[in-house]
Structures are given as structure tokens and as C-alpha cells.
Amino acid sequence: MVKAARDRLPDRVAIGVLTKTFPPELVDAVIDQAKARELRKRSLPARLTVYFTLAMWLWREHGYEEVLRQLIDGLGWSGAGPDETDVAWSGSI
């Protein structure tokens, strides 16, 4: 069931709309303006944290870990996201 939910085209489209509406360059500029950029490499970098916060509104019925999983899958599919192996899961959220 989880794999089927992860492979849904509407979820990928939602991530595409999210990154089109809030392109990585814009998200990075806002992070820098707020002086919220991480100083070291983190499992949940600032850009991913912003997208995660927005994605929680897209999948309100899911828990944090499933939202992060869908976000990573969608961003990876679009080429805009981090490698899934580099991302921490529930404990880091």
C-alpha cells in the first residue's frame, strides 16, 4: 500500500507544482535573507525543510515520515532533490 501511494502520478505532479511555484532559487534566496542557512551538511538541509513544511499541507492525512518519503521521491523524480540515502528520517524531523 505504501509503495503504491509513493508511485502515484498525482503526488509527483503536486511536487512539480510545488517546485514550479517555489523554485529552488527562490527558496534559497529566502533562506539566505532570513540567515537560516545551515553551516554544516545536515540530513535535513534548509531547502528540504522548507519544501517539507509546504508538503505537509499537500498530504495532511499522512504522518511526517510518509510526507518526507513522498517529498524525497517527488524531488528525486524531478531532479531537484537530494539523494534519498543522504536524508535522515523521523528522528531528524
N, C-alpha and C. Protein backbone atom coordinates (compact mmCIF):
# COMPACT_ATOMS: atom_id res chain seq x y z
N MET A 1 0.82 -1.21 0.00
CA MET A 1 0.00 0.00 0.00
C MET A 1 0.85 1.26 0.00
N VAL A 2 1.89 1.30 0.84
CA VAL A 2 2.74 2.49 0.90
C VAL A 2 3.46 2.68 -0.43
N LYS A 3 3.98 1.59 -1.02
CA LYS A 3 4.67 1.71 -2.31
C LYS A 3 3.72 2.24 -3.37
N ALA A 4 2.49 1.76 -3.39
CA ALA A 4 1.52 2.24 -4.37
C ALA A 4 1.27 3.73 -4.19
N ALA A 5 1.16 4.18 -2.96
CA ALA A 5 0.94 5.61 -2.70
C ALA A 5 2.16 6.42 -3.12
N ARG A 6 3.35 5.84 -2.96
CA ARG A 6 4.57 6.56 -3.31
C ARG A 6 4.73 6.72 -4.81
N ASP A 7 4.14 5.83 -5.59
CA ASP A 7 4.32 5.85 -7.04
C ASP A 7 3.19 6.55 -7.77
N ARG A 8 2.34 7.23 -7.06
CA ARG A 8 1.19 7.88 -7.69
C ARG A 8 1.61 9.11 -8.48
N LEU A 9 1.16 9.19 -9.72
CA LEU A 9 1.46 10.33 -10.57
C LEU A 9 0.95 11.65 -9.98
N PRO A 10 -0.27 11.69 -9.40
CA PRO A 10 -0.72 12.96 -8.81
C PRO A 10 0.22 13.50 -7.74
N ASP A 11 0.85 12.62 -6.98
CA ASP A 11 1.80 13.08 -5.97
C ASP A 11 3.02 13.71 -6.63
N ARG A 12 3.48 13.12 -7.71
CA ARG A 12 4.62 13.68 -8.43
C ARG A 12 4.25 15.01 -9.07
N VAL A 13 3.04 15.09 -9.60
CA VAL A 13 2.57 16.35 -10.18
C VAL A 13 2.51 17.42 -9.10
N ALA A 14 2.02 17.06 -7.92
CA ALA A 14 1.93 18.03 -6.81
C ALA A 14 3.31 18.56 -6.45
N ILE A 15 4.32 17.69 -6.42
CA ILE A 15 5.68 18.14 -6.13
C ILE A 15 6.18 19.04 -7.26
N GLY A 16 5.84 18.69 -8.49
CA GLY A 16 6.23 19.54 -9.63
C GLY A 16 5.63 20.93 -9.53
N VAL A 17 4.36 21.00 -9.14
CA VAL A 17 3.70 22.29 -8.96
C VAL A 17 4.35 23.05 -7.82
N LEU A 18 4.68 22.35 -6.76
CA LEU A 18 5.33 22.97 -5.60
C LEU A 18 6.67 23.59 -6.00
N THR A 19 7.49 22.85 -6.75
CA THR A 19 8.80 23.37 -7.14
C THR A 19 8.69 24.42 -8.25
N LYS A 20 7.62 24.39 -9.02
CA LYS A 20 7.40 25.43 -10.04
C LYS A 20 6.95 26.73 -9.36
N THR A 21 6.08 26.60 -8.36
CA THR A 21 5.59 27.77 -7.64
C THR A 21 6.67 28.36 -6.75
N PHE A 22 7.44 27.49 -6.11
CA PHE A 22 8.54 27.91 -5.22
C PHE A 22 9.83 27.28 -5.73
N PRO A 23 10.43 27.87 -6.79
CA PRO A 23 11.65 27.27 -7.36
C PRO A 23 12.79 27.26 -6.33
N PRO A 24 13.70 26.29 -6.47
CA PRO A 24 14.80 26.18 -5.52
C PRO A 24 15.57 27.49 -5.34
N GLU A 25 15.74 28.26 -6.42
CA GLU A 25 16.48 29.52 -6.31
C GLU A 25 15.76 30.50 -5.38
N LEU A 26 14.44 30.55 -5.49
CA LEU A 26 13.64 31.44 -4.62
C LEU A 26 13.73 30.98 -3.17
N VAL A 27 13.57 29.68 -2.96
CA VAL A 27 13.64 29.12 -1.60
C VAL A 27 15.02 29.43 -1.00
N ASP A 28 16.08 29.22 -1.78
CA ASP A 28 17.43 29.50 -1.29
C ASP A 28 17.62 30.98 -0.96
N ALA A 29 17.07 31.86 -1.80
CA ALA A 29 17.19 33.30 -1.55
C ALA A 29 16.49 33.70 -0.25
N VAL A 30 15.33 33.13 -0.01
CA VAL A 30 14.58 33.43 1.23
C VAL A 30 15.34 32.89 2.45
N ILE A 31 15.88 31.70 2.31
CA ILE A 31 16.66 31.11 3.41
C ILE A 31 17.86 32.00 3.74
N ASP A 32 18.55 32.45 2.69
CA ASP A 32 19.72 33.31 2.90
C ASP A 32 19.31 34.66 3.49
N GLN A 33 18.21 35.21 3.01
CA GLN A 33 17.73 36.50 3.54
C GLN A 33 17.38 36.38 5.02
N ALA A 34 16.82 35.25 5.40
CA ALA A 34 16.45 35.02 6.80
C ALA A 34 17.65 34.58 7.64
N LYS A 35 18.79 34.41 6.99
CA LYS A 35 20.01 33.93 7.66
C LYS A 35 19.76 32.61 8.37
N ALA A 36 19.07 31.71 7.65
CA ALA A 36 18.72 30.41 8.21
C ALA A 36 19.44 29.26 7.52
N ARG A 37 20.47 29.58 6.75
CA ARG A 37 21.23 28.55 6.04
C ARG A 37 22.01 27.72 7.04
N GLU A 38 22.04 26.39 6.82
CA GLU A 38 22.81 25.53 7.71
C GLU A 38 24.30 25.79 7.49
N LEU A 39 25.07 25.66 8.55
CA LEU A 39 26.51 25.90 8.48
C LEU A 39 27.29 24.64 8.15
N ARG A 40 26.70 23.49 8.44
CA ARG A 40 27.32 22.20 8.12
C ARG A 40 26.33 21.39 7.30
N LYS A 41 26.82 20.36 6.64
CA LYS A 41 25.93 19.48 5.89
C LYS A 41 25.02 18.76 6.88
N ARG A 42 23.73 18.87 6.66
CA ARG A 42 22.73 18.28 7.56
C ARG A 42 21.88 17.26 6.82
N SER A 43 21.27 16.37 7.57
CA SER A 43 20.37 15.38 7.00
C SER A 43 19.08 16.02 6.49
N LEU A 44 18.70 17.13 7.09
CA LEU A 44 17.54 17.89 6.62
C LEU A 44 18.01 19.32 6.34
N PRO A 45 18.56 19.54 5.14
CA PRO A 45 19.03 20.89 4.83
C PRO A 45 17.89 21.88 4.78
N ALA A 46 18.23 23.15 4.85
CA ALA A 46 17.22 24.21 4.93
C ALA A 46 16.21 24.15 3.79
N ARG A 47 16.69 23.98 2.54
CA ARG A 47 15.75 23.93 1.41
C ARG A 47 14.78 22.77 1.55
N LEU A 48 15.28 21.60 1.92
CA LEU A 48 14.40 20.44 2.09
C LEU A 48 13.40 20.69 3.22
N THR A 49 13.82 21.35 4.27
CA THR A 49 12.93 21.66 5.38
C THR A 49 11.79 22.58 4.94
N VAL A 50 12.10 23.56 4.09
CA VAL A 50 11.05 24.45 3.57
C VAL A 50 10.07 23.65 2.73
N TYR A 51 10.57 22.84 1.82
CA TYR A 51 9.68 22.02 0.98
C TYR A 51 8.88 21.03 1.83
N PHE A 52 9.51 20.50 2.86
CA PHE A 52 8.81 19.57 3.75
C PHE A 52 7.64 20.26 4.44
N THR A 53 7.88 21.47 4.92
CA THR A 53 6.81 22.23 5.58
C THR A 53 5.65 22.48 4.62
N LEU A 54 5.95 22.84 3.39
CA LEU A 54 4.91 23.05 2.38
C LEU A 54 4.21 21.75 2.03
N ALA A 55 4.97 20.66 1.92
CA ALA A 55 4.40 19.36 1.56
C ALA A 55 3.46 18.82 2.64
N MET A 56 3.69 19.20 3.88
CA MET A 56 2.79 18.74 4.94
C MET A 56 1.36 19.20 4.68
N TRP A 57 1.20 20.33 3.97
CA TRP A 57 -0.14 20.80 3.60
C TRP A 57 -0.72 19.99 2.46
N LEU A 58 0.13 19.46 1.59
CA LEU A 58 -0.36 18.65 0.47
C LEU A 58 -0.86 17.29 0.93
N TRP A 59 -0.19 16.72 1.92
CA TRP A 59 -0.53 15.38 2.40
C TRP A 59 -0.85 15.43 3.90
N ARG A 60 -1.84 16.20 4.25
CA ARG A 60 -2.21 16.39 5.67
C ARG A 60 -2.63 15.09 6.34
N GLU A 61 -3.13 14.15 5.56
CA GLU A 61 -3.62 12.90 6.15
C GLU A 61 -2.51 11.90 6.47
N HIS A 62 -1.27 12.21 6.06
CA HIS A 62 -0.15 11.31 6.30
C HIS A 62 0.73 11.82 7.43
N GLY A 63 1.48 10.90 8.01
CA GLY A 63 2.44 11.27 9.05
C GLY A 63 3.68 11.91 8.46
N TYR A 64 4.51 12.46 9.32
CA TYR A 64 5.72 13.17 8.89
C TYR A 64 6.60 12.30 8.00
N GLU A 65 6.84 11.07 8.41
CA GLU A 65 7.76 10.22 7.67
C GLU A 65 7.23 9.93 6.26
N GLU A 66 5.95 9.68 6.11
CA GLU A 66 5.38 9.42 4.79
C GLU A 66 5.41 10.68 3.93
N VAL A 67 5.16 11.84 4.51
CA VAL A 67 5.25 13.10 3.77
C VAL A 67 6.68 13.30 3.28
N LEU A 68 7.65 13.08 4.13
CA LEU A 68 9.05 13.23 3.74
C LEU A 68 9.40 12.23 2.65
N ARG A 69 8.91 11.02 2.77
CA ARG A 69 9.18 9.99 1.76
C ARG A 69 8.61 10.41 0.40
N GLN A 70 7.37 10.90 0.39
CA GLN A 70 6.76 11.34 -0.86
C GLN A 70 7.50 12.54 -1.43
N LEU A 71 7.92 13.44 -0.56
CA LEU A 71 8.65 14.62 -1.00
C LEU A 71 9.99 14.22 -1.62
N ILE A 72 10.74 13.35 -0.97
CA ILE A 72 12.03 12.91 -1.49
C ILE A 72 11.85 12.20 -2.82
N ASP A 73 10.84 11.33 -2.90
CA ASP A 73 10.57 10.62 -4.16
C ASP A 73 10.23 11.61 -5.27
N GLY A 74 9.37 12.57 -4.98
CA GLY A 74 8.96 13.54 -5.98
C GLY A 74 10.09 14.46 -6.40
N LEU A 75 10.88 14.93 -5.45
CA LEU A 75 12.00 15.80 -5.78
C LEU A 75 13.07 15.03 -6.54
N GLY A 76 13.28 13.78 -6.17
CA GLY A 76 14.23 12.94 -6.89
C GLY A 76 13.79 12.69 -8.31
N TRP A 77 12.51 12.45 -8.49
CA TRP A 77 11.94 12.21 -9.82
C TRP A 77 12.11 13.45 -10.69
N SER A 78 11.98 14.62 -10.09
CA SER A 78 12.09 15.87 -10.86
C SER A 78 13.55 16.30 -11.02
N GLY A 79 14.46 15.65 -10.30
CA GLY A 79 15.87 16.03 -10.37
C GLY A 79 16.23 17.18 -9.46
N ALA A 80 15.30 17.63 -8.62
CA ALA A 80 15.54 18.80 -7.77
C ALA A 80 15.88 18.44 -6.33
N GLY A 81 15.88 17.16 -6.00
CA GLY A 81 16.03 16.80 -4.60
C GLY A 81 17.33 16.12 -4.26
N PRO A 82 17.53 15.91 -2.98
CA PRO A 82 18.73 15.22 -2.50
C PRO A 82 18.62 13.72 -2.74
N ASP A 83 19.73 13.04 -2.64
CA ASP A 83 19.73 11.59 -2.71
C ASP A 83 19.04 11.05 -1.46
N GLU A 84 18.13 10.12 -1.65
CA GLU A 84 17.34 9.59 -0.53
C GLU A 84 18.23 9.04 0.58
N THR A 85 19.39 8.50 0.24
CA THR A 85 20.27 7.93 1.26
C THR A 85 20.91 8.99 2.12
N ASP A 86 20.91 10.24 1.66
CA ASP A 86 21.52 11.33 2.43
C ASP A 86 20.55 11.97 3.42
N VAL A 87 19.29 11.55 3.41
CA VAL A 87 18.27 12.22 4.21
C VAL A 87 17.94 11.38 5.44
N ALA A 88 17.94 12.04 6.58
CA ALA A 88 17.51 11.38 7.81
C ALA A 88 16.00 11.28 7.84
N TRP A 89 15.48 10.41 8.66
CA TRP A 89 14.04 10.22 8.68
C TRP A 89 13.45 10.71 9.99
N SER A 90 12.51 10.02 10.53
CA SER A 90 11.63 10.52 11.60
C SER A 90 12.37 11.15 12.78
N GLY A 91 13.48 10.61 13.20
CA GLY A 91 14.20 11.16 14.34
C GLY A 91 14.70 12.58 14.07
N SER A 92 15.01 12.89 12.84
CA SER A 92 15.51 14.23 12.50
C SER A 92 14.40 15.25 12.33
N ILE A 93 13.22 14.77 12.06
CA ILE A 93 12.10 15.69 11.85
C ILE A 93 11.73 16.30 13.17
